[in-house]
Amino acid sequence: QVQFVESGGGLVQPGGSLRLSCAASGFTLEYYAIGWFRQAPGKEREGVSCMNSDGTTIYADSVKGRFTISRHNAKNTLYLQMNSLKPEDTAVYYCAADPRPYSTCSVISPEYGMDYWGKGTQVTVSS
């Protein structure tokens, strides 16, 4: 059974940092496209960052230079380091994976093929 469990969310002041984790079981992250998404209240879910199996990454313009996606293969865990957080980063953050062979991240349609999802972790940026 495939399971993704996100953790690391919380309340942080503007300018602060958080590191999100996504621990996977029943699925080996390093062979597939894997990503972070977020959904703010009243807004559609959006792609934040994605990593291909070869380690190449893409980021939404809104988080470039502030967020870093990484993967620990031995721990089968995906991370999102978030620095210089802003109130507009407040959202539920989800990790997801595309289980198709040779899957790759998509800039145009970030959610395309992302069939496996975690339940999310809340990030609130507020003073």
Foldseek 3Di string as FASTA:
>chain_A
DKAWAKDFADEAAQQAKIKMKIQIDPDQQLQFKKFKWWDDPPGDIDTAKIAGSVGDMDGDPVQPPFWDWDADRVRSMIMIIGGRDDQVVWTWMKMFTQPDGRYDADPVDRCVRGPDMHPTDTHGYHD
